[in-house]
């Protein structure tokens, strides 16, 4: 079987396209080393002052920790709810399955601004009941993020459940297994990859969420995306470029580690 290998022209065009797509990211790197107090390319002199700002200014570490905490809690809640919903659909197979799934997926269809305004009024109403779970609080941000990211987890769970052979569940039921036993011993082990993927995806979506967060936070619950947005909108802080470089390095490092792990697992043993 002949293996197609791209020619030099195709490789050149691919390299140009990749360079064009990565150009904005590459431009951030020299900008982060500027000695100026505003975003600009360095002119002869390089400085690490903005990287030191990331380490010394407490607002950066606080926003990172808050985003991590909100992302983990929102991801856990969204994945749990999506798994429960998917299992209910898979076991019960109600007649209104399409309607129920469509209702759950509404946050993906509705424009983010509409969802943000709706969640703003919801959280301000909750603030009147308890100030700890309403507007500009981390529990309030978690509630809003769960609403926005849960549909993505539902899709991942439903796709995983669609690949499960129902005969295994029927066999377990015929042998006298209870519903919890069938769920935890038969179904969940077969969709564990989908559940883990949903958890990772929802964490990433919560980590980078900004549109809704701008509507439901002010000065107390400042996540990293909001702090980056504020740094660009209010004072054009070059520390934003430094943080962007850090995030790029972390992302590339994670991708390289994942690919190395996959290559090691797929490598023949012995």
C-alpha atoms as a PDB file:
ATOM      1  CA  UNK A   1       0.000   0.000   0.000  1.00  0.00           C
ATOM      2  CA  UNK A   2       1.489   3.308  -1.110  1.00  0.00           C
ATOM      3  CA  UNK A   3       1.846   5.992   1.523  1.00  0.00           C
ATOM      4  CA  UNK A   4       1.122   9.532   0.421  1.00  0.00           C
ATOM      5  CA  UNK A   5       3.811  12.006   1.386  1.00  0.00           C
ATOM      6  CA  UNK A   6       3.226  15.749   0.921  1.00  0.00           C
ATOM      7  CA  UNK A   7       5.553  17.542  -1.436  1.00  0.00           C
ATOM      8  CA  UNK A   8       7.742  20.542  -0.607  1.00  0.00           C
ATOM      9  CA  UNK A   9       5.149  23.048  -1.823  1.00  0.00           C
ATOM     10  CA  UNK A  10       2.451  21.549   0.436  1.00  0.00           C
ATOM     11  CA  UNK A  11       4.863  21.571   3.385  1.00  0.00           C
ATOM     12  CA  UNK A  12       5.793  25.188   2.691  1.00  0.00           C
ATOM     13  CA  UNK A  13       2.154  26.276   2.499  1.00  0.00           C
ATOM     14  CA  UNK A  14       1.375  24.401   5.709  1.00  0.00           C
ATOM     15  CA  UNK A  15       4.300  26.074   7.473  1.00  0.00           C
ATOM     16  CA  UNK A  16       3.141  29.515   6.282  1.00  0.00           C
ATOM     17  CA  UNK A  17      -0.406  28.879   7.475  1.00  0.00           C
ATOM     18  CA  UNK A  18       0.824  27.686  10.873  1.00  0.00           C
ATOM     19  CA  UNK A  19       3.110  30.710  11.165  1.00  0.00           C
ATOM     20  CA  UNK A  20       0.236  33.033  10.267  1.00  0.00           C
ATOM     21  CA  UNK A  21      -2.008  31.466  12.919  1.00  0.00           C
ATOM     22  CA  UNK A  22       0.703  31.554  15.585  1.00  0.00           C
ATOM     23  CA  UNK A  23       1.929  35.080  14.792  1.00  0.00           C
ATOM     24  CA  UNK A  24      -0.291  36.790  17.425  1.00  0.00           C
ATOM     25  CA  UNK A  25       0.950  34.382  20.086  1.00  0.00           C
ATOM     26  CA  UNK A  26       4.567  34.809  19.043  1.00  0.00           C
ATOM     27  CA  UNK A  27       4.239  38.607  19.184  1.00  0.00           C
ATOM     28  CA  UNK A  28       3.223  38.407  22.835  1.00  0.00           C
ATOM     29  CA  UNK A  29       6.578  36.910  23.857  1.00  0.00           C
ATOM     30  CA  UNK A  30       8.843  39.931  23.161  1.00  0.00           C
ATOM     31  CA  UNK A  31       6.156  42.286  24.434  1.00  0.00           C
ATOM     32  CA  UNK A  32       6.297  40.596  27.842  1.00  0.00           C
ATOM     33  CA  UNK A  33       9.965  41.610  28.186  1.00  0.00           C
ATOM     34  CA  UNK A  34       9.382  45.317  27.636  1.00  0.00           C
ATOM     35  CA  UNK A  35      10.782  47.662  30.316  1.00  0.00           C
ATOM     36  CA  UNK A  36       7.971  50.152  29.681  1.00  0.00           C
ATOM     37  CA  UNK A  37       4.840  50.637  31.754  1.00  0.00           C
ATOM     38  CA  UNK A  38       2.631  50.028  28.734  1.00  0.00           C
ATOM     39  CA  UNK A  39       2.324  47.372  26.051  1.00  0.00           C
ATOM     40  CA  UNK A  40       5.128  47.844  23.549  1.00  0.00           C
ATOM     41  CA  UNK A  41       7.943  45.960  21.909  1.00  0.00           C
ATOM     42  CA  UNK A  42      11.294  46.309  23.717  1.00  0.00           C
ATOM     43  CA  UNK A  43      13.849  48.546  22.064  1.00  0.00           C
ATOM     44  CA  UNK A  44      17.274  47.176  22.825  1.00  0.00           C
ATOM     45  CA  UNK A  45      16.693  46.552  26.536  1.00  0.00           C
ATOM     46  CA  UNK A  46      14.900  43.521  27.963  1.00  0.00           C
ATOM     47  CA  UNK A  47      13.336  43.395  31.395  1.00  0.00           C
ATOM     48  CA  UNK A  48      11.778  40.772  33.662  1.00  0.00           C
ATOM     49  CA  UNK A  49       9.944  43.345  35.763  1.00  0.00           C
ATOM     50  CA  UNK A  50       6.514  42.233  34.605  1.00  0.00           C
ATOM     51  CA  UNK A  51       7.264  38.599  35.431  1.00  0.00           C
ATOM     52  CA  UNK A  52       8.327  39.740  38.891  1.00  0.00           C
ATOM     53  CA  UNK A  53       4.994  41.534  39.126  1.00  0.00           C
ATOM     54  CA  UNK A  54       3.232  38.219  38.625  1.00  0.00           C
ATOM     55  CA  UNK A  55       5.131  36.783  41.591  1.00  0.00           C
ATOM     56  CA  UNK A  56       4.954  39.818  43.875  1.00  0.00           C
ATOM     57  CA  UNK A  57       1.489  41.273  43.209  1.00  0.00           C
ATOM     58  CA  UNK A  58      -1.080  39.332  45.277  1.00  0.00           C
ATOM     59  CA  UNK A  59      -3.946  39.965  42.866  1.00  0.00           C
ATOM     60  CA  UNK A  60      -2.389  37.653  40.275  1.00  0.00           C
ATOM     61  CA  UNK A  61      -1.884  34.706  42.616  1.00  0.00           C
ATOM     62  CA  UNK A  62      -5.308  35.277  44.180  1.00  0.00           C
ATOM     63  CA  UNK A  63      -7.033  35.313  40.783  1.00  0.00           C
ATOM     64  CA  UNK A  64      -5.214  32.152  39.659  1.00  0.00           C
ATOM     65  CA  UNK A  65      -6.158  30.271  42.821  1.00  0.00           C
ATOM     66  CA  UNK A  66      -9.747  31.494  42.581  1.00  0.00           C
ATOM     67  CA  UNK A  67     -10.008  30.419  38.927  1.00  0.00           C
ATOM     68  CA  UNK A  68      -8.562  26.999  39.778  1.00  0.00           C
ATOM     69  CA  UNK A  69     -10.988  26.548  42.670  1.00  0.00           C
ATOM     70  CA  UNK A  70     -14.015  27.699  40.675  1.00  0.00           C
ATOM     71  CA  UNK A  71     -12.969  25.547  37.719  1.00  0.00           C
ATOM     72  CA  UNK A  72     -12.607  22.394  39.830  1.00  0.00           C
ATOM     73  CA  UNK A  73     -15.880  22.879  41.724  1.00  0.00           C
ATOM     74  CA  UNK A  74     -17.837  23.847  38.602  1.00  0.00           C
ATOM     75  CA  UNK A  75     -16.341  20.950  36.629  1.00  0.00           C
ATOM     76  CA  UNK A  76     -17.183  18.448  39.374  1.00  0.00           C
ATOM     77  CA  UNK A  77     -20.738  19.742  39.692  1.00  0.00           C
ATOM     78  CA  UNK A  78     -21.359  19.934  35.934  1.00  0.00           C
ATOM     79  CA  UNK A  79     -19.906  16.476  35.267  1.00  0.00           C
ATOM     80  CA  UNK A  80     -21.905  14.940  38.109  1.00  0.00           C
ATOM     81  CA  UNK A  81     -25.158  16.512  36.939  1.00  0.00           C
ATOM     82  CA  UNK A  82     -24.467  15.573  33.323  1.00  0.00           C
ATOM     83  CA  UNK A  83     -23.703  11.973  34.285  1.00  0.00           C
ATOM     84  CA  UNK A  84     -26.891  11.712  36.318  1.00  0.00           C
ATOM     85  CA  UNK A  85     -28.913  13.197  33.460  1.00  0.00           C
ATOM     86  CA  UNK A  86     -27.303  10.911  30.892  1.00  0.00           C
ATOM     87  CA  UNK A  87     -27.849   7.810  33.007  1.00  0.00           C
ATOM     88  CA  UNK A  88     -31.480   8.745  33.521  1.00  0.00           C
ATOM     89  CA  UNK A  89     -31.974   9.158  29.788  1.00  0.00           C
ATOM     90  CA  UNK A  90     -30.138   5.904  29.043  1.00  0.00           C
ATOM     91  CA  UNK A  91     -32.018   3.767  31.553  1.00  0.00           C
ATOM     92  CA  UNK A  92     -35.517   5.255  31.321  1.00  0.00           C
ATOM     93  CA  UNK A  93     -35.560   6.174  27.614  1.00  0.00           C
ATOM     94  CA  UNK A  94     -38.470   8.604  28.025  1.00  0.00           C
ATOM     95  CA  UNK A  95     -40.594   9.628  25.057  1.00  0.00           C
ATOM     96  CA  UNK A  96     -39.596  13.248  25.508  1.00  0.00           C
ATOM     97  CA  UNK A  97     -35.875  12.499  25.306  1.00  0.00           C
ATOM     98  CA  UNK A  98     -35.269  14.916  22.438  1.00  0.00           C
ATOM     99  CA  UNK A  99     -37.147  17.686  24.258  1.00  0.00           C
ATOM    100  CA  UNK A 100     -35.268  17.100  27.514  1.00  0.00           C
ATOM    101  CA  UNK A 101     -31.887  17.058  25.793  1.00  0.00           C
ATOM    102  CA  UNK A 102     -32.772  20.171  23.830  1.00  0.00           C
ATOM    103  CA  UNK A 103     -33.779  21.970  27.023  1.00  0.00           C
ATOM    104  CA  UNK A 104     -30.475  21.062  28.699  1.00  0.00           C
ATOM    105  CA  UNK A 105     -28.514  22.268  25.658  1.00  0.00           C
ATOM    106  CA  UNK A 106     -30.207  25.682  25.589  1.00  0.00           C
ATOM    107  CA  UNK A 107     -27.218  27.544  27.128  1.00  0.00           C
ATOM    108  CA  UNK A 108     -25.191  26.473  24.091  1.00  0.00           C
ATOM    109  CA  UNK A 109     -27.787  27.892  21.695  1.00  0.00           C
ATOM    110  CA  UNK A 110     -28.756  31.109  23.462  1.00  0.00           C
ATOM    111  CA  UNK A 111     -26.325  34.006  22.869  1.00  0.00           C
ATOM    112  CA  UNK A 112     -23.887  34.415  25.795  1.00  0.00           C
ATOM    113  CA  UNK A 113     -25.093  37.963  26.462  1.00  0.00           C
ATOM    114  CA  UNK A 114     -28.649  36.713  27.002  1.00  0.00           C
ATOM    115  CA  UNK A 115     -27.403  34.012  29.373  1.00  0.00           C
ATOM    116  CA  UNK A 116     -25.228  36.553  31.189  1.00  0.00           C
ATOM    117  CA  UNK A 117     -28.130  38.960  31.761  1.00  0.00           C
ATOM    118  CA  UNK A 118     -30.375  36.116  32.940  1.00  0.00           C
ATOM    119  CA  UNK A 119     -27.738  34.828  35.366  1.00  0.00           C
ATOM    120  CA  UNK A 120     -27.126  38.375  36.591  1.00  0.00           C
ATOM    121  CA  UNK A 121     -30.757  38.770  37.641  1.00  0.00           C
ATOM    122  CA  UNK A 122     -30.739  35.262  39.134  1.00  0.00           C
ATOM    123  CA  UNK A 123     -27.670  35.923  41.285  1.00  0.00           C
ATOM    124  CA  UNK A 124     -28.822  39.372  42.369  1.00  0.00           C
ATOM    125  CA  UNK A 125     -32.060  37.724  43.509  1.00  0.00           C
ATOM    126  CA  UNK A 126     -30.077  35.087  45.383  1.00  0.00           C
ATOM    127  CA  UNK A 127     -28.066  37.868  47.043  1.00  0.00           C
ATOM    128  CA  UNK A 128     -31.254  39.044  48.734  1.00  0.00           C
ATOM    129  CA  UNK A 129     -31.667  35.571  50.232  1.00  0.00           C
ATOM    130  CA  UNK A 130     -28.006  35.014  51.149  1.00  0.00           C
ATOM    131  CA  UNK A 131     -25.090  37.303  50.378  1.00  0.00           C
ATOM    132  CA  UNK A 132     -22.736  34.297  50.331  1.00  0.00           C
ATOM    133  CA  UNK A 133     -24.132  32.703  47.160  1.00  0.00           C
ATOM    134  CA  UNK A 134     -25.252  35.660  45.066  1.00  0.00           C
ATOM    135  CA  UNK A 135     -23.688  38.366  42.968  1.00  0.00           C
ATOM    136  CA  UNK A 136     -19.892  38.821  43.100  1.00  0.00           C
ATOM    137  CA  UNK A 137     -19.228  35.664  45.152  1.00  0.00           C
ATOM    138  CA  UNK A 138     -17.339  32.532  44.147  1.00  0.00           C
ATOM    139  CA  UNK A 139     -20.366  30.267  44.774  1.00  0.00           C
ATOM    140  CA  UNK A 140     -22.380  32.530  42.504  1.00  0.00           C
ATOM    141  CA  UNK A 141     -19.705  32.261  39.817  1.00  0.00           C
ATOM    142  CA  UNK A 142     -19.751  28.472  40.209  1.00  0.00           C
ATOM    143  CA  UNK A 143     -23.524  28.400  39.718  1.00  0.00           C
ATOM    144  CA  UNK A 144     -23.244  30.509  36.572  1.00  0.00           C
ATOM    145  CA  UNK A 145     -20.377  28.446  35.183  1.00  0.00           C
ATOM    146  CA  UNK A 146     -22.211  25.181  35.810  1.00  0.00           C
ATOM    147  CA  UNK A 147     -25.163  26.467  33.801  1.00  0.00           C
ATOM    148  CA  UNK A 148     -22.868  27.407  30.909  1.00  0.00           C
ATOM    149  CA  UNK A 149     -20.592  24.333  30.841  1.00  0.00           C
ATOM    150  CA  UNK A 150     -23.008  21.534  31.776  1.00  0.00           C
ATOM    151  CA  UNK A 151     -24.357  21.167  28.187  1.00  0.00           C
ATOM    152  CA  UNK A 152     -20.876  20.288  26.935  1.00  0.00           C
ATOM    153  CA  UNK A 153     -20.576  17.600  29.600  1.00  0.00           C
ATOM    154  CA  UNK A 154     -24.014  16.262  28.674  1.00  0.00           C
ATOM    155  CA  UNK A 155     -22.923  15.846  25.053  1.00  0.00           C
ATOM    156  CA  UNK A 156     -19.791  13.940  26.073  1.00  0.00           C
ATOM    157  CA  UNK A 157     -21.716  11.661  28.427  1.00  0.00           C
ATOM    158  CA  UNK A 158     -24.494  10.935  25.912  1.00  0.00           C
ATOM    159  CA  UNK A 159     -21.948  10.122  23.214  1.00  0.00           C
ATOM    160  CA  UNK A 160     -20.190   7.709  25.575  1.00  0.00           C
ATOM    161  CA  UNK A 161     -23.459   6.078  26.620  1.00  0.00           C
ATOM    162  CA  UNK A 162     -24.472   5.608  22.984  1.00  0.00           C
ATOM    163  CA  UNK A 163     -21.492   3.279  22.582  1.00  0.00           C
ATOM    164  CA  UNK A 164     -22.385   1.079  25.564  1.00  0.00           C
ATOM    165  CA  UNK A 165     -23.879  -2.308  24.664  1.00  0.00           C
ATOM    166  CA  UNK A 166     -27.237  -2.642  26.422  1.00  0.00           C
ATOM    167  CA  UNK A 167     -26.903  -6.419  26.465  1.00  0.00           C
ATOM    168  CA  UNK A 168     -24.351  -6.093  29.279  1.00  0.00           C
ATOM    169  CA  UNK A 169     -26.872  -4.226  31.388  1.00  0.00           C
ATOM    170  CA  UNK A 170     -29.568  -6.750  30.533  1.00  0.00           C
ATOM    171  CA  UNK A 171     -27.249  -9.596  31.534  1.00  0.00           C
ATOM    172  CA  UNK A 172     -26.465  -7.928  34.848  1.00  0.00           C
ATOM    173  CA  UNK A 173     -30.169  -7.324  35.433  1.00  0.00           C
ATOM    174  CA  UNK A 174     -30.957 -10.956  34.599  1.00  0.00           C
ATOM    175  CA  UNK A 175     -28.405 -12.085  37.188  1.00  0.00           C
ATOM    176  CA  UNK A 176     -30.194 -10.100  39.878  1.00  0.00           C
ATOM    177  CA  UNK A 177     -28.017  -6.996  40.029  1.00  0.00           C
ATOM    178  CA  UNK A 178     -29.686  -3.959  41.558  1.00  0.00           C
ATOM    179  CA  UNK A 179     -29.830  -0.614  39.771  1.00  0.00           C
ATOM    180  CA  UNK A 180     -26.894   0.877  41.756  1.00  0.00           C
ATOM    181  CA  UNK A 181     -24.839  -2.230  41.012  1.00  0.00           C
ATOM    182  CA  UNK A 182     -25.625  -1.972  37.308  1.00  0.00           C
ATOM    183  CA  UNK A 183     -24.685   1.703  37.301  1.00  0.00           C
ATOM    184  CA  UNK A 184     -21.432   1.492  39.246  1.00  0.00           C
ATOM    185  CA  UNK A 185     -20.252  -1.955  38.095  1.00  0.00           C
ATOM    186  CA  UNK A 186     -21.422  -2.081  34.480  1.00  0.00           C
ATOM    187  CA  UNK A 187     -22.252   1.297  32.949  1.00  0.00           C
ATOM    188  CA  UNK A 188     -19.875   3.761  34.610  1.00  0.00           C
ATOM    189  CA  UNK A 189     -16.739   1.646  34.014  1.00  0.00           C
ATOM    190  CA  UNK A 190     -17.593   1.599  30.314  1.00  0.00           C
ATOM    191  CA  UNK A 191     -17.986   5.380  30.077  1.00  0.00           C
ATOM    192  CA  UNK A 192     -15.166   6.386  32.427  1.00  0.00           C
ATOM    193  CA  UNK A 193     -13.152   7.887  29.569  1.00  0.00           C
ATOM    194  CA  UNK A 194     -16.136  10.006  28.538  1.00  0.00           C
ATOM    195  CA  UNK A 195     -16.663  11.153  32.121  1.00  0.00           C
ATOM    196  CA  UNK A 196     -12.991  12.111  32.492  1.00  0.00           C
ATOM    197  CA  UNK A 197     -13.068  13.926  29.158  1.00  0.00           C
ATOM    198  CA  UNK A 198     -16.203  15.812  30.210  1.00  0.00           C
ATOM    199  CA  UNK A 199     -14.556  16.799  33.491  1.00  0.00           C
ATOM    200  CA  UNK A 200     -11.436  18.079  31.727  1.00  0.00           C
ATOM    201  CA  UNK A 201     -13.407  19.930  29.054  1.00  0.00           C
ATOM    202  CA  UNK A 202     -15.700  21.627  31.555  1.00  0.00           C
ATOM    203  CA  UNK A 203     -12.717  22.657  33.692  1.00  0.00           C
ATOM    204  CA  UNK A 204     -11.090  24.324  30.691  1.00  0.00           C
ATOM    205  CA  UNK A 205     -14.349  26.056  29.739  1.00  0.00           C
ATOM    206  CA  UNK A 206     -14.814  27.329  33.284  1.00  0.00           C
ATOM    207  CA  UNK A 207     -11.188  28.434  33.488  1.00  0.00           C
ATOM    208  CA  UNK A 208     -11.483  30.634  30.381  1.00  0.00           C
ATOM    209  CA  UNK A 209     -15.077  31.865  30.842  1.00  0.00           C
ATOM    210  CA  UNK A 210     -15.221  35.663  30.650  1.00  0.00           C
ATOM    211  CA  UNK A 211     -18.477  36.822  29.012  1.00  0.00           C
ATOM    212  CA  UNK A 212     -20.776  35.711  31.827  1.00  0.00           C
ATOM    213  CA  UNK A 213     -18.189  36.401  34.530  1.00  0.00           C
ATOM    214  CA  UNK A 214     -18.065  40.088  33.600  1.00  0.00           C
ATOM    215  CA  UNK A 215     -21.793  40.406  34.319  1.00  0.00           C
ATOM    216  CA  UNK A 216     -21.865  38.572  37.656  1.00  0.00           C
ATOM    217  CA  UNK A 217     -18.674  39.821  39.344  1.00  0.00           C
ATOM    218  CA  UNK A 218     -17.338  43.168  40.397  1.00  0.00           C
ATOM    219  CA  UNK A 219     -14.442  43.519  42.867  1.00  0.00           C
ATOM    220  CA  UNK A 220     -14.599  40.485  45.158  1.00  0.00           C
ATOM    221  CA  UNK A 221     -14.647  37.442  42.882  1.00  0.00           C
ATOM    222  CA  UNK A 222     -11.944  38.418  40.391  1.00  0.00           C
ATOM    223  CA  UNK A 223     -11.004  35.426  38.261  1.00  0.00           C
ATOM    224  CA  UNK A 224      -7.889  35.330  36.082  1.00  0.00           C
ATOM    225  CA  UNK A 225      -9.762  36.023  32.799  1.00  0.00           C
ATOM    226  CA  UNK A 226     -11.465  39.016  34.405  1.00  0.00           C
ATOM    227  CA  UNK A 227      -8.150  40.326  35.721  1.00  0.00           C
ATOM    228  CA  UNK A 228      -6.596  39.972  32.268  1.00  0.00           C
ATOM    229  CA  UNK A 229      -9.565  41.749  30.707  1.00  0.00           C
ATOM    230  CA  UNK A 230      -9.323  44.555  33.280  1.00  0.00           C
ATOM    231  CA  UNK A 231      -5.586  44.917  32.683  1.00  0.00           C
ATOM    232  CA  UNK A 232      -6.192  45.407  28.964  1.00  0.00           C
ATOM    233  CA  UNK A 233      -9.242  47.632  29.263  1.00  0.00           C
ATOM    234  CA  UNK A 234      -8.283  49.959  32.093  1.00  0.00           C
ATOM    235  CA  UNK A 235      -4.517  50.431  32.173  1.00  0.00           C
ATOM    236  CA  UNK A 236      -3.011  48.220  29.432  1.00  0.00           C
ATOM    237  CA  UNK A 237      -0.770  46.491  31.953  1.00  0.00           C
ATOM    238  CA  UNK A 238       2.225  44.678  30.324  1.00  0.00           C
ATOM    239  CA  UNK A 239       1.901  42.058  33.063  1.00  0.00           C
ATOM    240  CA  UNK A 240      -0.986  40.757  30.967  1.00  0.00           C
ATOM    241  CA  UNK A 241       1.514  39.841  28.252  1.00  0.00           C
ATOM    242  CA  UNK A 242       3.729  38.116  30.823  1.00  0.00           C
ATOM    243  CA  UNK A 243       0.794  36.085  32.122  1.00  0.00           C
ATOM    244  CA  UNK A 244      -0.162  35.214  28.546  1.00  0.00           C
ATOM    245  CA  UNK A 245       3.330  33.836  27.926  1.00  0.00           C
ATOM    246  CA  UNK A 246       3.121  31.785  31.117  1.00  0.00           C
ATOM    247  CA  UNK A 247      -0.227  30.327  30.037  1.00  0.00           C
ATOM    248  CA  UNK A 248       1.151  29.534  26.570  1.00  0.00           C
ATOM    249  CA  UNK A 249       4.157  27.739  28.065  1.00  0.00           C
ATOM    250  CA  UNK A 250       1.935  25.754  30.440  1.00  0.00           C
ATOM    251  CA  UNK A 251      -0.439  24.784  27.625  1.00  0.00           C
ATOM    252  CA  UNK A 252       2.394  23.672  25.347  1.00  0.00           C
ATOM    253  CA  UNK A 253       3.972  21.750  28.219  1.00  0.00           C
ATOM    254  CA  UNK A 254       0.729  19.905  28.935  1.00  0.00           C
ATOM    255  CA  UNK A 255       0.252  19.026  25.253  1.00  0.00           C
ATOM    256  CA  UNK A 256       3.822  17.740  24.964  1.00  0.00           C
ATOM    257  CA  UNK A 257       3.448  15.690  28.154  1.00  0.00           C
ATOM    258  CA  UNK A 258       0.171  14.168  26.943  1.00  0.00           C
ATOM    259  CA  UNK A 259       1.654  13.258  23.562  1.00  0.00           C
ATOM    260  CA  UNK A 260       4.729  11.710  25.182  1.00  0.00           C
ATOM    261  CA  UNK A 261       2.494   9.714  27.512  1.00  0.00           C
ATOM    262  CA  UNK A 262       0.395   8.448  24.606  1.00  0.00           C
ATOM    263  CA  UNK A 263       3.491   7.570  22.598  1.00  0.00           C
ATOM    264  CA  UNK A 264       4.946   5.649  25.517  1.00  0.00           C
ATOM    265  CA  UNK A 265       1.719   3.725  26.040  1.00  0.00           C
ATOM    266  CA  UNK A 266       1.365   2.873  22.356  1.00  0.00           C
ATOM    267  CA  UNK A 267       5.000   1.821  22.016  1.00  0.00           C
ATOM    268  CA  UNK A 268       5.443  -1.976  21.676  1.00  0.00           C
ATOM    269  CA  UNK A 269       6.686  -3.662  24.825  1.00  0.00           C
ATOM    270  CA  UNK A 270       9.284  -6.354  25.027  1.00  0.00           C
END
